[in-house]
Amino acid sequence: MRITVNDQPRTFDAAPTVAQLVDEVVGRTEGVAVAVNGKVVPASQWGLMLNDADVADILTAVQGG
């Protein structure tokens, strides 16, 4: 299964949930926003299973000055 994450192709043995993808890519959930196929996925729906050829964008908030 191939999913594009932040413009980079990734291969998975099984369909991950959004939460599993976030954990693998970012390693935390605070300050993280996710969109799948151009639609924002609220954290309450991160149990959503991803499908082959989905496109996910994962954004993280950073502090700075």
PDB file of N, CA and C in Angstrom:
ATOM      1  N   MET A   1       0.842  -1.164   0.000  1.00  0.00           N
ATOM      2  CA  MET A   1       0.000   0.000   0.000  1.00  0.00           C
ATOM      3  C   MET A   1       0.893   1.235   0.000  1.00  0.00           C
ATOM      4  N   ARG A   2       0.585   2.169  -0.889  1.00  0.00           N
ATOM      5  CA  ARG A   2       1.368   3.411  -0.994  1.00  0.00           C
ATOM      6  C   ARG A   2       0.506   4.601  -0.606  1.00  0.00           C
ATOM      7  N   ILE A   3       1.066   5.430   0.255  1.00  0.00           N
ATOM      8  CA  ILE A   3       0.413   6.665   0.675  1.00  0.00           C
ATOM      9  C   ILE A   3       1.435   7.781   0.523  1.00  0.00           C
ATOM     10  N   THR A   4       1.023   8.884  -0.025  1.00  0.00           N
ATOM     11  CA  THR A   4       1.907  10.035  -0.136  1.00  0.00           C
ATOM     12  C   THR A   4       1.731  10.885   1.114  1.00  0.00           C
ATOM     13  N   VAL A   5       2.849  11.128   1.804  1.00  0.00           N
ATOM     14  CA  VAL A   5       2.824  11.904   3.050  1.00  0.00           C
ATOM     15  C   VAL A   5       3.746  13.098   2.874  1.00  0.00           C
ATOM     16  N   ASN A   6       3.163  14.286   2.951  1.00  0.00           N
ATOM     17  CA  ASN A   6       3.942  15.520   2.772  1.00  0.00           C
ATOM     18  C   ASN A   6       4.784  15.454   1.497  1.00  0.00           C
ATOM     19  N   ASP A   7       4.151  15.053   0.417  1.00  0.00           N
ATOM     20  CA  ASP A   7       4.755  14.977  -0.917  1.00  0.00           C
ATOM     21  C   ASP A   7       5.809  13.885  -1.073  1.00  0.00           C
ATOM     22  N   GLN A   8       5.915  12.969  -0.116  1.00  0.00           N
ATOM     23  CA  GLN A   8       6.877  11.881  -0.193  1.00  0.00           C
ATOM     24  C   GLN A   8       6.133  10.551  -0.192  1.00  0.00           C
ATOM     25  N   PRO A   9       6.385   9.681  -1.159  1.00  0.00           N
ATOM     26  CA  PRO A   9       5.705   8.381  -1.165  1.00  0.00           C
ATOM     27  C   PRO A   9       6.217   7.494  -0.028  1.00  0.00           C
ATOM     28  N   ARG A  10       5.294   6.799   0.612  1.00  0.00           N
ATOM     29  CA  ARG A  10       5.631   5.839   1.667  1.00  0.00           C
ATOM     30  C   ARG A  10       4.892   4.548   1.382  1.00  0.00           C
ATOM     31  N   THR A  11       5.514   3.438   1.732  1.00  0.00           N
ATOM     32  CA  THR A  11       4.913   2.127   1.524  1.00  0.00           C
ATOM     33  C   THR A  11       4.608   1.493   2.875  1.00  0.00           C
ATOM     34  N   PHE A  12       3.428   0.898   2.995  1.00  0.00           N
ATOM     35  CA  PHE A  12       2.990   0.246   4.229  1.00  0.00           C
ATOM     36  C   PHE A  12       2.550  -1.170   3.910  1.00  0.00           C
ATOM     37  N   ASP A  13       2.783  -2.087   4.848  1.00  0.00           N
ATOM     38  CA  ASP A  13       2.328  -3.468   4.688  1.00  0.00           C
ATOM     39  C   ASP A  13       0.816  -3.566   4.834  1.00  0.00           C
ATOM     40  N   ALA A  14       0.269  -2.767   5.739  1.00  0.00           N
ATOM     41  CA  ALA A  14      -1.175  -2.774   5.998  1.00  0.00           C
ATOM     42  C   ALA A  14      -1.643  -1.331   6.100  1.00  0.00           C
ATOM     43  N   ALA A  15      -2.935  -1.130   5.918  1.00  0.00           N
ATOM     44  CA  ALA A  15      -3.500   0.218   5.965  1.00  0.00           C
ATOM     45  C   ALA A  15      -3.374   0.796   7.371  1.00  0.00           C
ATOM     46  N   PRO A  16      -2.667   1.907   7.516  1.00  0.00           N
ATOM     47  CA  PRO A  16      -2.580   2.536   8.834  1.00  0.00           C
ATOM     48  C   PRO A  16      -3.778   3.450   9.074  1.00  0.00           C
ATOM     49  N   THR A  17      -4.024   3.742  10.339  1.00  0.00           N
ATOM     50  CA  THR A  17      -4.984   4.783  10.670  1.00  0.00           C
ATOM     51  C   THR A  17      -4.244   6.116  10.608  1.00  0.00           C
ATOM     52  N   VAL A  18      -4.999   7.189  10.625  1.00  0.00           N
ATOM     53  CA  VAL A  18      -4.373   8.512  10.658  1.00  0.00           C
ATOM     54  C   VAL A  18      -3.500   8.619  11.909  1.00  0.00           C
ATOM     55  N   ALA A  19      -3.989   8.131  13.045  1.00  0.00           N
ATOM     56  CA  ALA A  19      -3.230   8.191  14.301  1.00  0.00           C
ATOM     57  C   ALA A  19      -1.908   7.438  14.187  1.00  0.00           C
ATOM     58  N   GLN A  20      -1.926   6.266  13.576  1.00  0.00           N
ATOM     59  CA  GLN A  20      -0.694   5.496  13.400  1.00  0.00           C
ATOM     60  C   GLN A  20       0.286   6.232  12.491  1.00  0.00           C
ATOM     61  N   LEU A  21      -0.242   6.856  11.450  1.00  0.00           N
ATOM     62  CA  LEU A  21       0.610   7.607  10.540  1.00  0.00           C
ATOM     63  C   LEU A  21       1.255   8.789  11.261  1.00  0.00           C
ATOM     64  N   VAL A  22       0.464   9.521  12.030  1.00  0.00           N
ATOM     65  CA  VAL A  22       0.996  10.659  12.787  1.00  0.00           C
ATOM     66  C   VAL A  22       2.072  10.185  13.758  1.00  0.00           C
ATOM     67  N   ASP A  23       1.818   9.077  14.445  1.00  0.00           N
ATOM     68  CA  ASP A  23       2.800   8.548  15.389  1.00  0.00           C
ATOM     69  C   ASP A  23       4.101   8.193  14.683  1.00  0.00           C
ATOM     70  N   GLU A  24       3.998   7.585  13.518  1.00  0.00           N
ATOM     71  CA  GLU A  24       5.203   7.184  12.783  1.00  0.00           C
ATOM     72  C   GLU A  24       5.970   8.385  12.241  1.00  0.00           C
ATOM     73  N   VAL A  25       5.251   9.365  11.731  1.00  0.00           N
ATOM     74  CA  VAL A  25       5.905  10.502  11.087  1.00  0.00           C
ATOM     75  C   VAL A  25       6.366  11.559  12.088  1.00  0.00           C
ATOM     76  N   VAL A  26       5.512  11.863  13.080  1.00  0.00           N
ATOM     77  CA  VAL A  26       5.794  12.971  13.992  1.00  0.00           C
ATOM     78  C   VAL A  26       6.203  12.482  15.381  1.00  0.00           C
ATOM     79  N   GLY A  27       5.558  11.430  15.861  1.00  0.00           N
ATOM     80  CA  GLY A  27       5.876  10.909  17.179  1.00  0.00           C
ATOM     81  C   GLY A  27       5.174  11.605  18.325  1.00  0.00           C
ATOM     82  N   ARG A  28       4.274  12.520  18.005  1.00  0.00           N
ATOM     83  CA  ARG A  28       3.481  13.208  19.031  1.00  0.00           C
ATOM     84  C   ARG A  28       2.176  13.669  18.409  1.00  0.00           C
ATOM     85  N   THR A  29       1.229  14.054  19.262  1.00  0.00           N
ATOM     86  CA  THR A  29      -0.063  14.500  18.740  1.00  0.00           C
ATOM     87  C   THR A  29      -0.345  15.970  19.028  1.00  0.00           C
ATOM     88  N   GLU A  30       0.363  16.557  19.982  1.00  0.00           N
ATOM     89  CA  GLU A  30       0.125  17.956  20.328  1.00  0.00           C
ATOM     90  C   GLU A  30       0.625  18.866  19.204  1.00  0.00           C
ATOM     91  N   GLY A  31      -0.185  19.835  18.830  1.00  0.00           N
ATOM     92  CA  GLY A  31       0.217  20.787  17.812  1.00  0.00           C
ATOM     93  C   GLY A  31       0.304  20.207  16.413  1.00  0.00           C
ATOM     94  N   VAL A  32      -0.473  19.145  16.158  1.00  0.00           N
ATOM     95  CA  VAL A  32      -0.437  18.479  14.859  1.00  0.00           C
ATOM     96  C   VAL A  32      -1.788  18.620  14.167  1.00  0.00           C
ATOM     97  N   ALA A  33      -1.769  18.929  12.885  1.00  0.00           N
ATOM     98  CA  ALA A  33      -2.977  18.967  12.058  1.00  0.00           C
ATOM     99  C   ALA A  33      -2.762  18.035  10.874  1.00  0.00           C
ATOM    100  N   VAL A  34      -3.832  17.370  10.461  1.00  0.00           N
ATOM    101  CA  VAL A  34      -3.741  16.407   9.363  1.00  0.00           C
ATOM    102  C   VAL A  34      -4.846  16.664   8.346  1.00  0.00           C
ATOM    103  N   ALA A  35      -4.482  16.567   7.085  1.00  0.00           N
ATOM    104  CA  ALA A  35      -5.459  16.595   6.000  1.00  0.00           C
ATOM    105  C   ALA A  35      -5.226  15.348   5.157  1.00  0.00           C
ATOM    106  N   VAL A  36      -6.302  14.714   4.743  1.00  0.00           N
ATOM    107  CA  VAL A  36      -6.218  13.548   3.862  1.00  0.00           C
ATOM    108  C   VAL A  36      -7.001  13.869   2.603  1.00  0.00           C
ATOM    109  N   ASN A  37      -6.339  13.770   1.484  1.00  0.00           N
ATOM    110  CA  ASN A  37      -6.941  14.095   0.188  1.00  0.00           C
ATOM    111  C   ASN A  37      -7.559  15.492   0.189  1.00  0.00           C
ATOM    112  N   GLY A  38      -6.847  16.424   0.844  1.00  0.00           N
ATOM    113  CA  GLY A  38      -7.271  17.821   0.846  1.00  0.00           C
ATOM    114  C   GLY A  38      -8.321  18.194   1.862  1.00  0.00           C
ATOM    115  N   LYS A  39      -8.751  17.246   2.693  1.00  0.00           N
ATOM    116  CA  LYS A  39      -9.776  17.536   3.702  1.00  0.00           C
ATOM    117  C   LYS A  39      -9.189  17.361   5.095  1.00  0.00           C
ATOM    118  N   VAL A  40      -9.378  18.370   5.943  1.00  0.00           N
ATOM    119  CA  VAL A  40      -8.874  18.322   7.309  1.00  0.00           C
ATOM    120  C   VAL A  40      -9.562  17.193   8.065  1.00  0.00           C
ATOM    121  N   VAL A  41      -8.766  16.435   8.810  1.00  0.00           N
ATOM    122  CA  VAL A  41      -9.293  15.337   9.622  1.00  0.00           C
ATOM    123  C   VAL A  41      -9.153  15.749  11.086  1.00  0.00           C
ATOM    124  N   PRO A  42     -10.268  16.017  11.785  1.00  0.00           N
ATOM    125  CA  PRO A  42     -10.184  16.382  13.200  1.00  0.00           C
ATOM    126  C   PRO A  42      -9.557  15.244  14.010  1.00  0.00           C
ATOM    127  N   ALA A  43      -8.860  15.587  15.074  1.00  0.00           N
ATOM    128  CA  ALA A  43      -8.205  14.577  15.915  1.00  0.00           C
ATOM    129  C   ALA A  43      -9.200  13.530  16.413  1.00  0.00           C
ATOM    130  N   SER A  44     -10.441  13.900  16.581  1.00  0.00           N
ATOM    131  CA  SER A  44     -11.458  12.942  17.039  1.00  0.00           C
ATOM    132  C   SER A  44     -11.741  11.861  16.006  1.00  0.00           C
ATOM    133  N   GLN A  45     -11.274  12.055  14.776  1.00  0.00           N
ATOM    134  CA  GLN A  45     -11.507  11.080  13.708  1.00  0.00           C
ATOM    135  C   GLN A  45     -10.208  10.425  13.225  1.00  0.00           C
ATOM    136  N   TRP A  46      -9.156  10.482  14.028  1.00  0.00           N
ATOM    137  CA  TRP A  46      -7.879   9.918  13.624  1.00  0.00           C
ATOM    138  C   TRP A  46      -7.872   8.399  13.620  1.00  0.00           C
ATOM    139  N   GLY A  47      -8.972   7.771  13.969  1.00  0.00           N
ATOM    140  CA  GLY A  47      -9.098   6.322  13.843  1.00  0.00           C
ATOM    141  C   GLY A  47      -9.401   5.912  12.406  1.00  0.00           C
ATOM    142  N   LEU A  48      -9.595   6.896  11.533  1.00  0.00           N
ATOM    143  CA  LEU A  48      -9.886   6.664  10.120  1.00  0.00           C
ATOM    144  C   LEU A  48      -8.767   5.866   9.466  1.00  0.00           C
ATOM    145  N   MET A  49      -9.134   4.789   8.784  1.00  0.00           N
ATOM    146  CA  MET A  49      -8.153   3.985   8.052  1.00  0.00           C
ATOM    147  C   MET A  49      -7.836   4.679   6.732  1.00  0.00           C
ATOM    148  N   LEU A  50      -6.566   4.703   6.393  1.00  0.00           N
ATOM    149  CA  LEU A  50      -6.154   5.271   5.115  1.00  0.00           C
ATOM    150  C   LEU A  50      -6.246   4.213   4.027  1.00  0.00           C
ATOM    151  N   ASN A  51      -6.402   4.665   2.804  1.00  0.00           N
ATOM    152  CA  ASN A  51      -6.517   3.772   1.656  1.00  0.00           C
ATOM    153  C   ASN A  51      -5.321   3.936   0.732  1.00  0.00           C
ATOM    154  N   ASP A  52      -5.102   2.919  -0.091  1.00  0.00           N
ATOM    155  CA  ASP A  52      -4.034   2.979  -1.078  1.00  0.00           C
ATOM    156  C   ASP A  52      -4.209   4.224  -1.936  1.00  0.00           C
ATOM    157  N   ALA A  53      -3.120   4.921  -2.184  1.00  0.00           N
ATOM    158  CA  ALA A  53      -3.064   6.123  -3.027  1.00  0.00           C
ATOM    159  C   ALA A  53      -3.600   7.378  -2.342  1.00  0.00           C
ATOM    160  N   ASP A  54      -3.940   7.307  -1.031  1.00  0.00           N
ATOM    161  CA  ASP A  54      -4.329   8.523  -0.322  1.00  0.00           C
ATOM    162  C   ASP A  54      -3.148   9.481  -0.253  1.00  0.00           C
ATOM    163  N   VAL A  55      -3.467  10.764  -0.114  1.00  0.00           N
ATOM    164  CA  VAL A  55      -2.454  11.799   0.040  1.00  0.00           C
ATOM    165  C   VAL A  55      -2.702  12.469   1.382  1.00  0.00           C
ATOM    166  N   ALA A  56      -1.711  12.391   2.263  1.00  0.00           N
ATOM    167  CA  ALA A  56      -1.840  12.968   3.596  1.00  0.00           C
ATOM    168  C   ALA A  56      -0.845  14.110   3.763  1.00  0.00           C
ATOM    169  N   ASP A  57      -1.309  15.169   4.388  1.00  0.00           N
ATOM    170  CA  ASP A  57      -0.445  16.288   4.748  1.00  0.00           C
ATOM    171  C   ASP A  57      -0.480  16.402   6.260  1.00  0.00           C
ATOM    172  N   ILE A  58       0.691  16.353   6.879  1.00  0.00           N
ATOM    173  CA  ILE A  58       0.800  16.460   8.321  1.00  0.00           C
ATOM    174  C   ILE A  58       1.566  17.729   8.631  1.00  0.00           C
ATOM    175  N   LEU A  59       0.940  18.615   9.397  1.00  0.00           N
ATOM    176  CA  LEU A  59       1.537  19.903   9.749  1.00  0.00           C
ATOM    177  C   LEU A  59       1.740  19.951  11.243  1.00  0.00           C
ATOM    178  N   THR A  60       2.857  20.531  11.656  1.00  0.00           N
ATOM    179  CA  THR A  60       3.125  20.694  13.079  1.00  0.00           C
ATOM    180  C   THR A  60       3.335  22.175  13.397  1.00  0.00           C
ATOM    181  N   ALA A  61       2.872  22.546  14.572  1.00  0.00           N
ATOM    182  CA  ALA A  61       3.067  23.914  15.038  1.00  0.00           C
ATOM    183  C   ALA A  61       4.428  24.006  15.705  1.00  0.00           C
ATOM    184  N   VAL A  62       5.111  25.117  15.464  1.00  0.00           N
ATOM    185  CA  VAL A  62       6.398  25.346  16.102  1.00  0.00           C
ATOM    186  C   VAL A  62       6.390  26.743  16.730  1.00  0.00           C
ATOM    187  N   GLN A  63       7.129  26.864  17.820  1.00  0.00           N
ATOM    188  CA  GLN A  63       7.256  28.159  18.463  1.00  0.00           C
ATOM    189  C   GLN A  63       8.552  28.810  18.014  1.00  0.00           C
ATOM    190  N   GLY A  64       8.535  30.089  18.015  1.00  0.00           N
ATOM    191  CA  GLY A  64       9.743  30.803  17.632  1.00  0.00           C
ATOM    192  C   GLY A  64       9.540  32.287  17.779  1.00  0.00           C
ATOM    193  N   GLY A  65      10.558  33.002  17.524  1.00  0.00           N
ATOM    194  CA  GLY A  65      10.425  34.428  17.686  1.00  0.00           C
ATOM    195  C   GLY A  65      11.140  35.197  16.654  1.00  0.00           C
TER     196      GLY A  65
END
